Amino acid sequence: MNFQVTVLKILVSYPDGFAVVADLKRDMAILATSGRDWAERTKRLAARMPDLDIFSQALVERLNGGWRITEKGRAVLDFMENRSSGPQRERDASVEDLATAGPAPRLLASTRVDRSQRLQRRRAARARAKAS
């Protein structure tokens, strides 16, 4: 199983692309024990981006006790999943540009709404962790 591809796939499955670390660990454990299909699939996807590094390429950012996939991360994952169709050279160049570009710009300030949403996500994650 390829850790970095799995993290991208897990994060993209969450509504806002954010998951607390406990949820990531739980989902990784489920996928790791799900059988050979998942391991083979992540190896195939990882082979399409051999130099994949989700943190240094700003595909995933660490926030408030969790990780969130960036738009750049979504684009790279989409590229890895859809690489078998269409003109190869143009897409290879565009994804290389994405992967080698500088870090994603940070948001300057959080609004009250953003803060409230983060608190709600944390409370929900704690409740899920206590339930399991």
C-alpha atoms as a PDB file:
ATOM      1  CA  MET A   1       0.000   0.000   0.000  1.00  0.00           C
ATOM      2  CA  ASN A   2       1.343   3.433  -0.906  1.00  0.00           C
ATOM      3  CA  PHE A   3       0.921   5.762   2.065  1.00  0.00           C
ATOM      4  CA  GLN A   4       0.877   9.051   0.156  1.00  0.00           C
ATOM      5  CA  VAL A   5      -1.655   7.963  -2.456  1.00  0.00           C
ATOM      6  CA  THR A   6      -3.824   6.511   0.294  1.00  0.00           C
ATOM      7  CA  VAL A   7      -3.751   9.793   2.218  1.00  0.00           C
ATOM      8  CA  LEU A   8      -4.843  11.696  -0.906  1.00  0.00           C
ATOM      9  CA  LYS A   9      -7.654   9.213  -1.578  1.00  0.00           C
ATOM     10  CA  ILE A  10      -8.875   9.369   2.029  1.00  0.00           C
ATOM     11  CA  LEU A  11      -8.816  13.153   2.222  1.00  0.00           C
ATOM     12  CA  VAL A  12     -10.631  13.594  -1.077  1.00  0.00           C
ATOM     13  CA  SER A  13     -13.427  11.381   0.275  1.00  0.00           C
ATOM     14  CA  TYR A  14     -14.218  13.851   3.088  1.00  0.00           C
ATOM     15  CA  PRO A  15     -16.717  16.635   2.211  1.00  0.00           C
ATOM     16  CA  ASP A  16     -14.287  19.523   2.698  1.00  0.00           C
ATOM     17  CA  GLY A  17     -11.096  17.502   2.211  1.00  0.00           C
ATOM     18  CA  PHE A  18     -10.202  17.785   5.923  1.00  0.00           C
ATOM     19  CA  ALA A  19      -9.793  14.895   8.352  1.00  0.00           C
ATOM     20  CA  VAL A  20      -8.399  14.782  11.870  1.00  0.00           C
ATOM     21  CA  VAL A  21      -5.443  12.467  12.382  1.00  0.00           C
ATOM     22  CA  ALA A  22      -7.521   9.907  14.313  1.00  0.00           C
ATOM     23  CA  ASP A  23      -9.901   9.571  11.352  1.00  0.00           C
ATOM     24  CA  LEU A  24      -6.976   9.237   8.947  1.00  0.00           C
ATOM     25  CA  LYS A  25      -5.439   6.473  11.055  1.00  0.00           C
ATOM     26  CA  ARG A  26      -8.742   4.606  11.263  1.00  0.00           C
ATOM     27  CA  ASP A  27      -9.351   4.853   7.510  1.00  0.00           C
ATOM     28  CA  MET A  28      -5.764   3.819   6.744  1.00  0.00           C
ATOM     29  CA  ALA A  29      -6.126   0.759   8.982  1.00  0.00           C
ATOM     30  CA  ILE A  30      -9.328  -0.244   7.211  1.00  0.00           C
ATOM     31  CA  LEU A  31      -7.745   0.115   3.771  1.00  0.00           C
ATOM     32  CA  ALA A  32      -4.518  -1.599   4.813  1.00  0.00           C
ATOM     33  CA  THR A  33      -6.458  -4.678   5.871  1.00  0.00           C
ATOM     34  CA  SER A  34      -8.900  -4.638   2.963  1.00  0.00           C
ATOM     35  CA  GLY A  35      -6.831  -6.939   0.783  1.00  0.00           C
ATOM     36  CA  ARG A  36      -4.498  -6.970  -2.173  1.00  0.00           C
ATOM     37  CA  ASP A  37      -6.757  -4.966  -4.485  1.00  0.00           C
ATOM     38  CA  TRP A  38      -6.197  -1.724  -2.608  1.00  0.00           C
ATOM     39  CA  ALA A  39      -2.435  -2.268  -2.344  1.00  0.00           C
ATOM     40  CA  GLU A  40      -2.166  -3.000  -6.057  1.00  0.00           C
ATOM     41  CA  ARG A  41      -4.306   0.003  -6.968  1.00  0.00           C
ATOM     42  CA  THR A  42      -2.223   2.417  -4.889  1.00  0.00           C
ATOM     43  CA  LYS A  43       0.985   0.990  -6.366  1.00  0.00           C
ATOM     44  CA  ARG A  44      -0.354   1.593  -9.888  1.00  0.00           C
ATOM     45  CA  LEU A  45      -1.355   5.152  -9.028  1.00  0.00           C
ATOM     46  CA  ALA A  46       1.972   5.839  -7.310  1.00  0.00           C
ATOM     47  CA  ALA A  47       3.858   4.586 -10.366  1.00  0.00           C
ATOM     48  CA  ARG A  48       2.245   7.387 -12.383  1.00  0.00           C
ATOM     49  CA  MET A  49       3.868   9.997 -10.104  1.00  0.00           C
ATOM     50  CA  PRO A  50       7.136   8.422  -8.916  1.00  0.00           C
ATOM     51  CA  ASP A  51       8.393  11.587  -7.174  1.00  0.00           C
ATOM     52  CA  LEU A  52       5.186  12.169  -5.229  1.00  0.00           C
ATOM     53  CA  ASP A  53       5.697  13.954  -1.906  1.00  0.00           C
ATOM     54  CA  ILE A  54       2.385  15.223  -0.556  1.00  0.00           C
ATOM     55  CA  PHE A  55       3.850  17.702   1.931  1.00  0.00           C
ATOM     56  CA  SER A  56       6.802  19.247   0.105  1.00  0.00           C
ATOM     57  CA  GLN A  57       4.701  19.613  -3.059  1.00  0.00           C
ATOM     58  CA  ALA A  58       1.893  21.277  -1.034  1.00  0.00           C
ATOM     59  CA  LEU A  59      -0.682  18.637  -1.982  1.00  0.00           C
ATOM     60  CA  VAL A  60      -1.730  18.252   1.661  1.00  0.00           C
ATOM     61  CA  GLU A  61      -1.524  20.816   4.436  1.00  0.00           C
ATOM     62  CA  ARG A  62      -1.481  20.238   8.185  1.00  0.00           C
ATOM     63  CA  LEU A  63      -4.157  22.200  10.036  1.00  0.00           C
ATOM     64  CA  ASN A  64      -5.591  22.124  13.565  1.00  0.00           C
ATOM     65  CA  GLY A  65      -4.851  18.501  14.431  1.00  0.00           C
ATOM     66  CA  GLY A  66      -5.674  17.197  10.986  1.00  0.00           C
ATOM     67  CA  TRP A  67      -4.749  17.242   7.332  1.00  0.00           C
ATOM     68  CA  ARG A  68      -6.502  18.845   4.360  1.00  0.00           C
ATOM     69  CA  ILE A  69      -6.024  18.157   0.671  1.00  0.00           C
ATOM     70  CA  THR A  70      -5.329  21.279  -1.396  1.00  0.00           C
ATOM     71  CA  GLU A  71      -6.701  22.079  -4.841  1.00  0.00           C
ATOM     72  CA  LYS A  72      -3.279  21.179  -6.189  1.00  0.00           C
ATOM     73  CA  GLY A  73      -3.564  17.812  -4.423  1.00  0.00           C
ATOM     74  CA  ARG A  74      -6.976  17.214  -5.992  1.00  0.00           C
ATOM     75  CA  ALA A  75      -5.569  18.034  -9.426  1.00  0.00           C
ATOM     76  CA  VAL A  76      -2.606  15.652  -9.007  1.00  0.00           C
ATOM     77  CA  LEU A  77      -4.873  12.848  -7.763  1.00  0.00           C
ATOM     78  CA  ASP A  78      -7.225  13.420 -10.681  1.00  0.00           C
ATOM     79  CA  PHE A  79      -4.248  13.277 -13.032  1.00  0.00           C
ATOM     80  CA  MET A  80      -3.032   9.993 -11.534  1.00  0.00           C
ATOM     81  CA  GLU A  81      -6.487   8.435 -11.843  1.00  0.00           C
ATOM     82  CA  ASN A  82      -7.160   9.638 -15.392  1.00  0.00           C
ATOM     83  CA  ARG A  83      -3.696   9.400 -16.898  1.00  0.00           C
ATOM     84  CA  SER A  84      -4.539   6.500 -19.199  1.00  0.00           C
ATOM     85  CA  SER A  85      -6.710   8.620 -21.519  1.00  0.00           C
ATOM     86  CA  GLY A  86      -5.980  11.727 -23.595  1.00  0.00           C
ATOM     87  CA  PRO A  87      -2.782  13.361 -24.865  1.00  0.00           C
ATOM     88  CA  GLN A  88      -0.032  12.242 -22.539  1.00  0.00           C
ATOM     89  CA  ARG A  89       2.657  14.864 -23.070  1.00  0.00           C
ATOM     90  CA  GLU A  90       0.471  17.888 -22.387  1.00  0.00           C
ATOM     91  CA  ARG A  91      -0.855  16.456 -19.144  1.00  0.00           C
ATOM     92  CA  ASP A  92       2.574  15.257 -18.028  1.00  0.00           C
ATOM     93  CA  ALA A  93       3.923  18.785 -18.420  1.00  0.00           C
ATOM     94  CA  SER A  94       0.979  20.394 -16.610  1.00  0.00           C
ATOM     95  CA  VAL A  95       1.197  18.038 -13.639  1.00  0.00           C
ATOM     96  CA  GLU A  96       4.953  18.451 -13.448  1.00  0.00           C
ATOM     97  CA  ASP A  97       4.317  22.199 -13.255  1.00  0.00           C
ATOM     98  CA  LEU A  98       1.808  21.594 -10.453  1.00  0.00           C
ATOM     99  CA  ALA A  99       4.132  19.307  -8.551  1.00  0.00           C
ATOM    100  CA  THR A 100       7.201  21.562  -8.821  1.00  0.00           C
ATOM    101  CA  ALA A 101       5.450  24.874  -8.161  1.00  0.00           C
ATOM    102  CA  GLY A 102       6.116  26.611  -4.864  1.00  0.00           C
ATOM    103  CA  PRO A 103       4.047  26.056  -1.769  1.00  0.00           C
ATOM    104  CA  ALA A 104       0.372  26.962  -1.855  1.00  0.00           C
ATOM    105  CA  PRO A 105      -0.431  30.415  -0.468  1.00  0.00           C
ATOM    106  CA  ARG A 106      -1.768  30.437   3.086  1.00  0.00           C
ATOM    107  CA  LEU A 107      -5.016  32.103   4.010  1.00  0.00           C
ATOM    108  CA  LEU A 108      -4.307  35.420   5.658  1.00  0.00           C
ATOM    109  CA  ALA A 109      -6.915  35.326   8.387  1.00  0.00           C
ATOM    110  CA  SER A 110      -9.737  33.120   9.536  1.00  0.00           C
ATOM    111  CA  THR A 111     -13.204  34.566   9.778  1.00  0.00           C
ATOM    112  CA  ARG A 112     -15.608  33.733  12.558  1.00  0.00           C
ATOM    113  CA  VAL A 113     -17.507  31.431  10.213  1.00  0.00           C
ATOM    114  CA  ASP A 114     -14.334  29.520   9.324  1.00  0.00           C
ATOM    115  CA  ARG A 115     -13.435  29.240  12.987  1.00  0.00           C
ATOM    116  CA  SER A 116     -16.921  28.033  13.856  1.00  0.00           C
ATOM    117  CA  GLN A 117     -16.794  25.395  11.109  1.00  0.00           C
ATOM    118  CA  ARG A 118     -13.420  24.138  12.335  1.00  0.00           C
ATOM    119  CA  LEU A 119     -14.758  23.860  15.884  1.00  0.00           C
ATOM    120  CA  GLN A 120     -17.784  21.916  14.646  1.00  0.00           C
ATOM    121  CA  ARG A 121     -15.541  19.527  12.687  1.00  0.00           C
ATOM    122  CA  ARG A 122     -13.339  18.963  15.737  1.00  0.00           C
ATOM    123  CA  ARG A 123     -16.334  18.294  17.986  1.00  0.00           C
ATOM    124  CA  ALA A 124     -17.773  15.834  15.467  1.00  0.00           C
ATOM    125  CA  ALA A 125     -14.391  14.099  15.150  1.00  0.00           C
ATOM    126  CA  ARG A 126     -14.088  13.798  18.942  1.00  0.00           C
ATOM    127  CA  ALA A 127     -17.597  12.367  19.143  1.00  0.00           C
ATOM    128  CA  ARG A 128     -16.753   9.800  16.447  1.00  0.00           C
ATOM    129  CA  ALA A 129     -13.532   8.894  18.231  1.00  0.00           C
ATOM    130  CA  LYS A 130     -15.366   8.353  21.539  1.00  0.00           C
ATOM    131  CA  ALA A 131     -18.021   6.234  19.828  1.00  0.00           C
ATOM    132  CA  SER A 132     -15.475   3.852  18.330  1.00  0.00           C
END
